[in-house]
PDB file of N, CA and C in Angstrom:
ATOM      1  N   UNK A   1     -40.983 -51.456  -1.522  1.00  0.00           N
ATOM      2  CA  UNK A   1     -39.931 -50.495  -1.373  1.00  0.00           C
ATOM      3  C   UNK A   1     -38.675 -51.026  -2.046  1.00  0.00           C
ATOM      4  N   UNK A   2     -38.002 -50.140  -2.766  1.00  0.00           N
ATOM      5  CA  UNK A   2     -36.799 -50.566  -3.468  1.00  0.00           C
ATOM      6  C   UNK A   2     -35.598 -50.420  -2.567  1.00  0.00           C
ATOM      7  N   UNK A   3     -34.670 -51.269  -2.780  1.00  0.00           N
ATOM      8  CA  UNK A   3     -33.455 -51.269  -1.983  1.00  0.00           C
ATOM      9  C   UNK A   3     -32.502 -50.210  -2.538  1.00  0.00           C
ATOM     10  N   UNK A   4     -31.975 -49.326  -1.662  1.00  0.00           N
ATOM     11  CA  UNK A   4     -31.081 -48.243  -2.085  1.00  0.00           C
ATOM     12  C   UNK A   4     -29.670 -48.535  -1.620  1.00  0.00           C
ATOM     13  N   UNK A   5     -28.728 -48.205  -2.454  1.00  0.00           N
ATOM     14  CA  UNK A   5     -27.330 -48.426  -2.180  1.00  0.00           C
ATOM     15  C   UNK A   5     -26.658 -47.133  -1.673  1.00  0.00           C
ATOM     16  N   UNK A   6     -27.449 -46.052  -1.496  1.00  0.00           N
ATOM     17  CA  UNK A   6     -26.870 -44.754  -1.139  1.00  0.00           C
ATOM     18  C   UNK A   6     -26.268 -44.725   0.252  1.00  0.00           C
ATOM     19  N   UNK A   7     -26.761 -45.507   1.152  1.00  0.00           N
ATOM     20  CA  UNK A   7     -26.239 -45.475   2.515  1.00  0.00           C
ATOM     21  C   UNK A   7     -24.864 -46.119   2.626  1.00  0.00           C
ATOM     22  N   UNK A   8     -24.444 -46.810   1.593  1.00  0.00           N
ATOM     23  CA  UNK A   8     -23.147 -47.469   1.628  1.00  0.00           C
ATOM     24  C   UNK A   8     -22.040 -46.646   0.983  1.00  0.00           C
ATOM     25  N   UNK A   9     -22.391 -45.445   0.479  1.00  0.00           N
ATOM     26  CA  UNK A   9     -21.374 -44.600  -0.148  1.00  0.00           C
ATOM     27  C   UNK A   9     -20.511 -43.988   0.943  1.00  0.00           C
ATOM     28  N   UNK A  10     -19.228 -44.154   0.828  1.00  0.00           N
ATOM     29  CA  UNK A  10     -18.303 -43.597   1.806  1.00  0.00           C
ATOM     30  C   UNK A  10     -17.788 -42.254   1.285  1.00  0.00           C
ATOM     31  N   UNK A  11     -17.718 -41.311   2.186  1.00  0.00           N
ATOM     32  CA  UNK A  11     -17.179 -40.008   1.794  1.00  0.00           C
ATOM     33  C   UNK A  11     -15.671 -40.107   1.676  1.00  0.00           C
ATOM     34  N   UNK A  12     -15.151 -39.379   0.746  1.00  0.00           N
ATOM     35  CA  UNK A  12     -13.713 -39.409   0.516  1.00  0.00           C
ATOM     36  C   UNK A  12     -13.151 -38.043   0.873  1.00  0.00           C
ATOM     37  N   UNK A  13     -12.168 -38.033   1.751  1.00  0.00           N
ATOM     38  CA  UNK A  13     -11.494 -36.787   2.075  1.00  0.00           C
ATOM     39  C   UNK A  13     -10.537 -36.429   0.951  1.00  0.00           C
ATOM     40  N   UNK A  14     -10.496 -35.170   0.649  1.00  0.00           N
ATOM     41  CA  UNK A  14      -9.630 -34.713  -0.437  1.00  0.00           C
ATOM     42  C   UNK A  14      -8.206 -34.571   0.077  1.00  0.00           C
ATOM     43  N   UNK A  15      -7.347 -35.430  -0.380  1.00  0.00           N
ATOM     44  CA  UNK A  15      -5.956 -35.399   0.073  1.00  0.00           C
ATOM     45  C   UNK A  15      -4.989 -35.230  -1.074  1.00  0.00           C
ATOM     46  N   UNK A  16      -5.487 -35.136  -2.283  1.00  0.00           N
ATOM     47  CA  UNK A  16      -4.607 -35.031  -3.445  1.00  0.00           C
ATOM     48  C   UNK A  16      -4.976 -33.780  -4.243  1.00  0.00           C
ATOM     49  N   UNK A  17      -4.045 -33.290  -5.037  1.00  0.00           N
ATOM     50  CA  UNK A  17      -4.309 -32.155  -5.911  1.00  0.00           C
ATOM     51  C   UNK A  17      -4.022 -30.822  -5.241  1.00  0.00           C
ATOM     52  N   UNK A  18      -4.267 -29.778  -6.001  1.00  0.00           N
ATOM     53  CA  UNK A  18      -4.021 -28.423  -5.500  1.00  0.00           C
ATOM     54  C   UNK A  18      -5.083 -28.013  -4.499  1.00  0.00           C
ATOM     55  N   UNK A  19      -4.683 -27.208  -3.555  1.00  0.00           N
ATOM     56  CA  UNK A  19      -5.638 -26.607  -2.639  1.00  0.00           C
ATOM     57  C   UNK A  19      -6.213 -25.403  -3.354  1.00  0.00           C
ATOM     58  N   UNK A  20      -7.481 -25.469  -3.718  1.00  0.00           N
ATOM     59  CA  UNK A  20      -8.096 -24.369  -4.441  1.00  0.00           C
ATOM     60  C   UNK A  20      -9.102 -23.680  -3.539  1.00  0.00           C
ATOM     61  N   UNK A  21      -9.845 -22.825  -4.088  1.00  0.00           N
ATOM     62  CA  UNK A  21     -10.781 -22.015  -3.334  1.00  0.00           C
ATOM     63  C   UNK A  21     -10.692 -20.600  -3.835  1.00  0.00           C
ATOM     64  N   UNK A  22      -9.807 -20.386  -4.789  1.00  0.00           N
ATOM     65  CA  UNK A  22      -9.634 -19.083  -5.401  1.00  0.00           C
ATOM     66  C   UNK A  22     -10.095 -19.179  -6.853  1.00  0.00           C
ATOM     67  N   UNK A  23     -11.339 -19.627  -7.050  1.00  0.00           N
ATOM     68  CA  UNK A  23     -11.938 -19.793  -8.361  1.00  0.00           C
ATOM     69  C   UNK A  23     -11.111 -20.695  -9.266  1.00  0.00           C
ATOM     70  N   UNK A  24     -10.669 -21.822  -8.716  1.00  0.00           N
ATOM     71  CA  UNK A  24      -9.965 -22.815  -9.498  1.00  0.00           C
ATOM     72  C   UNK A  24      -8.468 -22.643  -9.526  1.00  0.00           C
ATOM     73  N   UNK A  25      -7.989 -21.489  -9.141  1.00  0.00           N
ATOM     74  CA  UNK A  25      -6.537 -21.284  -9.094  1.00  0.00           C
ATOM     75  C   UNK A  25      -6.003 -21.750  -7.750  1.00  0.00           C
ATOM     76  N   UNK A  26      -4.743 -22.132  -7.715  1.00  0.00           N
ATOM     77  CA  UNK A  26      -4.156 -22.488  -6.415  1.00  0.00           C
ATOM     78  C   UNK A  26      -4.123 -21.274  -5.494  1.00  0.00           C
ATOM     79  N   UNK A  27      -4.307 -21.518  -4.215  1.00  0.00           N
ATOM     80  CA  UNK A  27      -4.291 -20.410  -3.263  1.00  0.00           C
ATOM     81  C   UNK A  27      -2.906 -19.798  -3.213  1.00  0.00           C
ATOM     82  N   UNK A  28      -2.871 -18.490  -3.099  1.00  0.00           N
ATOM     83  CA  UNK A  28      -1.583 -17.797  -3.067  1.00  0.00           C
ATOM     84  C   UNK A  28      -0.985 -17.903  -1.677  1.00  0.00           C
ATOM     85  N   UNK A  29       0.308 -17.883  -1.641  1.00  0.00           N
ATOM     86  CA  UNK A  29       1.028 -17.957  -0.381  1.00  0.00           C
ATOM     87  C   UNK A  29       1.090 -16.571   0.244  1.00  0.00           C
ATOM     88  N   UNK A  30       1.346 -16.534   1.522  1.00  0.00           N
ATOM     89  CA  UNK A  30       1.456 -15.254   2.219  1.00  0.00           C
ATOM     90  C   UNK A  30       2.717 -14.529   1.772  1.00  0.00           C
ATOM     91  N   UNK A  31       2.658 -13.228   1.830  1.00  0.00           N
ATOM     92  CA  UNK A  31       3.798 -12.421   1.428  1.00  0.00           C
ATOM     93  C   UNK A  31       3.539 -11.773   0.089  1.00  0.00           C
ATOM     94  N   UNK A  32       4.374 -10.849  -0.256  1.00  0.00           N
ATOM     95  CA  UNK A  32       4.189 -10.096  -1.478  1.00  0.00           C
ATOM     96  C   UNK A  32       5.442 -10.170  -2.330  1.00  0.00           C
ATOM     97  N   UNK A  33       5.236 -10.160  -3.630  1.00  0.00           N
ATOM     98  CA  UNK A  33       6.389 -10.095  -4.520  1.00  0.00           C
ATOM     99  C   UNK A  33       6.905  -8.674  -4.627  1.00  0.00           C
ATOM    100  N   UNK A  34       6.158  -7.733  -4.091  1.00  0.00           N
ATOM    101  CA  UNK A  34       6.548  -6.324  -4.143  1.00  0.00           C
ATOM    102  C   UNK A  34       7.200  -5.877  -2.843  1.00  0.00           C
ATOM    103  N   UNK A  35       7.930  -6.760  -2.206  1.00  0.00           N
ATOM    104  CA  UNK A  35       8.500  -6.440  -0.899  1.00  0.00           C
ATOM    105  C   UNK A  35       9.609  -5.397  -0.979  1.00  0.00           C
ATOM    106  N   UNK A  36      10.155  -5.172  -2.162  1.00  0.00           N
ATOM    107  CA  UNK A  36      11.230  -4.198  -2.288  1.00  0.00           C
ATOM    108  C   UNK A  36      10.765  -2.768  -2.441  1.00  0.00           C
ATOM    109  N   UNK A  37       9.461  -2.558  -2.572  1.00  0.00           N
ATOM    110  CA  UNK A  37       8.954  -1.201  -2.744  1.00  0.00           C
ATOM    111  C   UNK A  37       9.118  -0.431  -1.442  1.00  0.00           C
ATOM    112  N   UNK A  38       9.590   0.761  -1.552  1.00  0.00           N
ATOM    113  CA  UNK A  38       9.781   1.597  -0.379  1.00  0.00           C
ATOM    114  C   UNK A  38      11.185   1.529   0.179  1.00  0.00           C
ATOM    115  N   UNK A  39      11.971   0.604  -0.303  1.00  0.00           N
ATOM    116  CA  UNK A  39      13.341   0.483   0.168  1.00  0.00           C
ATOM    117  C   UNK A  39      14.217   1.380  -0.697  1.00  0.00           C
ATOM    118  N   UNK A  40      14.858   2.322  -0.085  1.00  0.00           N
ATOM    119  CA  UNK A  40      15.732   3.237  -0.820  1.00  0.00           C
ATOM    120  C   UNK A  40      17.086   3.278  -0.148  1.00  0.00           C
ATOM    121  N   UNK A  41      18.031   3.784  -0.879  1.00  0.00           N
ATOM    122  CA  UNK A  41      19.325   3.994  -0.256  1.00  0.00           C
ATOM    123  C   UNK A  41      19.454   5.472   0.092  1.00  0.00           C
ATOM    124  N   UNK A  42      20.377   5.811   0.928  1.00  0.00           N
ATOM    125  CA  UNK A  42      20.488   7.171   1.451  1.00  0.00           C
ATOM    126  C   UNK A  42      20.890   8.172   0.381  1.00  0.00           C
ATOM    127  N   UNK A  43      21.442   7.713  -0.734  1.00  0.00           N
ATOM    128  CA  UNK A  43      21.875   8.646  -1.763  1.00  0.00           C
ATOM    129  C   UNK A  43      20.693   9.261  -2.502  1.00  0.00           C
ATOM    130  N   UNK A  44      19.582   8.552  -2.597  1.00  0.00           N
ATOM    131  CA  UNK A  44      18.459   9.071  -3.357  1.00  0.00           C
ATOM    132  C   UNK A  44      17.520   9.921  -2.521  1.00  0.00           C
ATOM    133  N   UNK A  45      17.602   9.841  -1.218  1.00  0.00           N
ATOM    134  CA  UNK A  45      16.714  10.591  -0.346  1.00  0.00           C
ATOM    135  C   UNK A  45      17.409  11.879   0.072  1.00  0.00           C
ATOM    136  N   UNK A  46      16.750  12.999  -0.216  1.00  0.00           N
ATOM    137  CA  UNK A  46      17.312  14.287   0.174  1.00  0.00           C
ATOM    138  C   UNK A  46      16.340  14.941   1.138  1.00  0.00           C
ATOM    139  N   UNK A  47      16.764  15.140   2.349  1.00  0.00           N
ATOM    140  CA  UNK A  47      15.918  15.791   3.346  1.00  0.00           C
ATOM    141  C   UNK A  47      16.120  17.292   3.244  1.00  0.00           C
ATOM    142  N   UNK A  48      15.013  18.003   3.217  1.00  0.00           N
ATOM    143  CA  UNK A  48      15.114  19.458   3.167  1.00  0.00           C
ATOM    144  C   UNK A  48      14.786  20.021   4.535  1.00  0.00           C
ATOM    145  N   UNK A  49      15.336  21.177   4.799  1.00  0.00           N
ATOM    146  CA  UNK A  49      15.061  21.822   6.071  1.00  0.00           C
ATOM    147  C   UNK A  49      13.696  22.474   6.005  1.00  0.00           C
ATOM    148  N   UNK A  50      13.195  22.873   7.150  1.00  0.00           N
ATOM    149  CA  UNK A  50      11.890  23.506   7.191  1.00  0.00           C
ATOM    150  C   UNK A  50      11.920  24.872   6.499  1.00  0.00           C
ATOM    151  N   UNK A  51      13.053  25.556   6.577  1.00  0.00           N
ATOM    152  CA  UNK A  51      13.174  26.851   5.897  1.00  0.00           C
ATOM    153  C   UNK A  51      13.129  26.688   4.379  1.00  0.00           C
ATOM    154  N   UNK A  52      13.768  25.639   3.873  1.00  0.00           N
ATOM    155  CA  UNK A  52      13.694  25.364   2.436  1.00  0.00           C
ATOM    156  C   UNK A  52      12.265  25.019   2.015  1.00  0.00           C
ATOM    157  N   UNK A  53      11.572  24.282   2.865  1.00  0.00           N
ATOM    158  CA  UNK A  53      10.193  23.910   2.579  1.00  0.00           C
ATOM    159  C   UNK A  53       9.304  25.152   2.550  1.00  0.00           C
ATOM    160  N   UNK A  54       9.507  26.061   3.487  1.00  0.00           N
ATOM    161  CA  UNK A  54       8.735  27.297   3.524  1.00  0.00           C
ATOM    162  C   UNK A  54       9.008  28.132   2.284  1.00  0.00           C
ATOM    163  N   UNK A  55      10.270  28.202   1.871  1.00  0.00           N
ATOM    164  CA  UNK A  55      10.616  28.968   0.671  1.00  0.00           C
ATOM    165  C   UNK A  55       9.940  28.373  -0.560  1.00  0.00           C
ATOM    166  N   UNK A  56       9.911  27.052  -0.658  1.00  0.00           N
ATOM    167  CA  UNK A  56       9.248  26.408  -1.798  1.00  0.00           C
ATOM    168  C   UNK A  56       7.741  26.637  -1.764  1.00  0.00           C
ATOM    169  N   UNK A  57       7.157  26.644  -0.565  1.00  0.00           N
ATOM    170  CA  UNK A  57       5.727  26.918  -0.458  1.00  0.00           C
ATOM    171  C   UNK A  57       5.406  28.345  -0.896  1.00  0.00           C
ATOM    172  N   UNK A  58       6.231  29.311  -0.472  1.00  0.00           N
ATOM    173  CA  UNK A  58       6.026  30.702  -0.887  1.00  0.00           C
ATOM    174  C   UNK A  58       6.148  30.839  -2.403  1.00  0.00           C
ATOM    175  N   UNK A  59       7.133  30.188  -2.984  1.00  0.00           N
ATOM    176  CA  UNK A  59       7.318  30.241  -4.431  1.00  0.00           C
ATOM    177  C   UNK A  59       6.112  29.647  -5.164  1.00  0.00           C
ATOM    178  N   UNK A  60       5.622  28.506  -4.661  1.00  0.00           N
ATOM    179  CA  UNK A  60       4.474  27.859  -5.291  1.00  0.00           C
ATOM    180  C   UNK A  60       3.217  28.704  -5.132  1.00  0.00           C
ATOM    181  N   UNK A  61       3.058  29.344  -3.979  1.00  0.00           N
ATOM    182  CA  UNK A  61       1.887  30.187  -3.747  1.00  0.00           C
ATOM    183  C   UNK A  61       1.867  31.369  -4.713  1.00  0.00           C
ATOM    184  N   UNK A  62       3.041  31.963  -4.950  1.00  0.00           N
ATOM    185  CA  UNK A  62       3.120  33.123  -5.841  1.00  0.00           C
ATOM    186  C   UNK A  62       2.923  32.748  -7.303  1.00  0.00           C
ATOM    187  N   UNK A  63       3.208  31.514  -7.674  1.00  0.00           N
ATOM    188  CA  UNK A  63       3.191  31.122  -9.087  1.00  0.00           C
ATOM    189  C   UNK A  63       2.013  30.246  -9.491  1.00  0.00           C
ATOM    190  N   UNK A  64       1.023  30.089  -8.638  1.00  0.00           N
ATOM    191  CA  UNK A  64      -0.129  29.278  -9.012  1.00  0.00           C
ATOM    192  C   UNK A  64      -1.396  30.120  -9.014  1.00  0.00           C
ATOM    193  N   UNK A  65      -2.349  29.684  -9.825  1.00  0.00           N
ATOM    194  CA  UNK A  65      -3.653  30.340  -9.846  1.00  0.00           C
ATOM    195  C   UNK A  65      -4.747  29.403  -9.347  1.00  0.00           C
ATOM    196  N   UNK A  66      -4.375  28.199  -8.974  1.00  0.00           N
ATOM    197  CA  UNK A  66      -5.332  27.215  -8.478  1.00  0.00           C
ATOM    198  C   UNK A  66      -5.717  27.554  -7.038  1.00  0.00           C
ATOM    199  N   UNK A  67      -6.990  27.774  -6.808  1.00  0.00           N
ATOM    200  CA  UNK A  67      -7.457  28.182  -5.478  1.00  0.00           C
ATOM    201  C   UNK A  67      -7.276  27.075  -4.435  1.00  0.00           C
ATOM    202  N   UNK A  68      -7.483  25.816  -4.830  1.00  0.00           N
ATOM    203  CA  UNK A  68      -7.305  24.713  -3.876  1.00  0.00           C
ATOM    204  C   UNK A  68      -5.851  24.585  -3.443  1.00  0.00           C
ATOM    205  N   UNK A  69      -4.942  24.745  -4.403  1.00  0.00           N
ATOM    206  CA  UNK A  69      -3.520  24.669  -4.071  1.00  0.00           C
ATOM    207  C   UNK A  69      -3.114  25.833  -3.186  1.00  0.00           C
ATOM    208  N   UNK A  70      -3.629  27.026  -3.474  1.00  0.00           N
ATOM    209  CA  UNK A  70      -3.315  28.181  -2.632  1.00  0.00           C
ATOM    210  C   UNK A  70      -3.849  27.981  -1.214  1.00  0.00           C
ATOM    211  N   UNK A  71      -5.028  27.426  -1.080  1.00  0.00           N
ATOM    212  CA  UNK A  71      -5.589  27.166   0.247  1.00  0.00           C
ATOM    213  C   UNK A  71      -4.748  26.150   1.010  1.00  0.00           C
ATOM    214  N   UNK A  72      -4.302  25.102   0.306  1.00  0.00           N
ATOM    215  CA  UNK A  72      -3.440  24.098   0.952  1.00  0.00           C
ATOM    216  C   UNK A  72      -2.132  24.723   1.423  1.00  0.00           C
ATOM    217  N   UNK A  73      -1.518  25.531   0.551  1.00  0.00           N
ATOM    218  CA  UNK A  73      -0.241  26.151   0.906  1.00  0.00           C
ATOM    219  C   UNK A  73      -0.426  27.095   2.088  1.00  0.00           C
ATOM    220  N   UNK A  74      -1.517  27.849   2.076  1.00  0.00           N
ATOM    221  CA  UNK A  74      -1.784  28.773   3.182  1.00  0.00           C
ATOM    222  C   UNK A  74      -1.930  28.023   4.504  1.00  0.00           C
ATOM    223  N   UNK A  75      -2.681  26.925   4.507  1.00  0.00           N
ATOM    224  CA  UNK A  75      -2.862  26.165   5.745  1.00  0.00           C
ATOM    225  C   UNK A  75      -1.557  25.524   6.201  1.00  0.00           C
ATOM    226  N   UNK A  76      -0.733  25.073   5.259  1.00  0.00           N
ATOM    227  CA  UNK A  76       0.565  24.494   5.634  1.00  0.00           C
ATOM    228  C   UNK A  76       1.464  25.553   6.266  1.00  0.00           C
ATOM    229  N   UNK A  77       1.517  26.725   5.641  1.00  0.00           N
ATOM    230  CA  UNK A  77       2.339  27.808   6.195  1.00  0.00           C
ATOM    231  C   UNK A  77       1.819  28.233   7.564  1.00  0.00           C
ATOM    232  N   UNK A  78       0.508  28.268   7.697  1.00  0.00           N
ATOM    233  CA  UNK A  78      -0.085  28.662   8.977  1.00  0.00           C
ATOM    234  C   UNK A  78       0.266  27.652  10.069  1.00  0.00           C
ATOM    235  N   UNK A  79       0.197  26.344   9.742  1.00  0.00           N
ATOM    236  CA  UNK A  79       0.553  25.318  10.729  1.00  0.00           C
ATOM    237  C   UNK A  79       2.004  25.454  11.165  1.00  0.00           C
ATOM    238  N   UNK A  80       2.886  25.703  10.199  1.00  0.00           N
ATOM    239  CA  UNK A  80       4.314  25.814  10.529  1.00  0.00           C
ATOM    240  C   UNK A  80       4.560  27.029  11.411  1.00  0.00           C
ATOM    241  N   UNK A  81       3.948  28.152  11.062  1.00  0.00           N
ATOM    242  CA  UNK A  81       4.169  29.363  11.843  1.00  0.00           C
ATOM    243  C   UNK A  81       3.557  29.267  13.234  1.00  0.00           C
ATOM    244  N   UNK A  82       2.407  28.598  13.352  1.00  0.00           N
ATOM    245  CA  UNK A  82       1.815  28.399  14.688  1.00  0.00           C
ATOM    246  C   UNK A  82       2.708  27.484  15.521  1.00  0.00           C
ATOM    247  N   UNK A  83       3.268  26.460  14.885  1.00  0.00           N
ATOM    248  CA  UNK A  83       4.156  25.538  15.586  1.00  0.00           C
ATOM    249  C   UNK A  83       5.409  26.265  16.071  1.00  0.00           C
ATOM    250  N   UNK A  84       5.929  27.144  15.247  1.00  0.00           N
ATOM    251  CA  UNK A  84       7.119  27.912  15.637  1.00  0.00           C
ATOM    252  C   UNK A  84       6.807  29.034  16.610  1.00  0.00           C
ATOM    253  N   UNK A  85       5.559  29.454  16.646  1.00  0.00           N
ATOM    254  CA  UNK A  85       5.174  30.565  17.514  1.00  0.00           C
ATOM    255  C   UNK A  85       5.441  31.913  16.880  1.00  0.00           C
ATOM    256  N   UNK A  86       5.502  31.966  15.543  1.00  0.00           N
ATOM    257  CA  UNK A  86       5.795  33.218  14.857  1.00  0.00           C
ATOM    258  C   UNK A  86       4.566  33.753  14.131  1.00  0.00           C
ATOM    259  N   UNK A  87       3.415  33.213  14.374  1.00  0.00           N
ATOM    260  CA  UNK A  87       2.207  33.653  13.675  1.00  0.00           C
ATOM    261  C   UNK A  87       1.539  34.763  14.425  1.00  0.00           C
TER     262      UNK A  87
END
């Protein structure tokens, strides 16, 4: 039987270098660089009233020929009128 030196190999803990695991790239840190998305100031946001929204829906319904859009507008108007109790 031949003498083997394999039992004397000591395992080495990895304590140096980049922490990888992302296909060789360094692992990304938590958080996003896009954190500013969705942040607006009050000058750019214009809230419309429900009556204005209804008027725009009626205008869009009269000026479109797309059946899916007409169905969506009809269901939206129906929901609003049921909510108001005017249907």
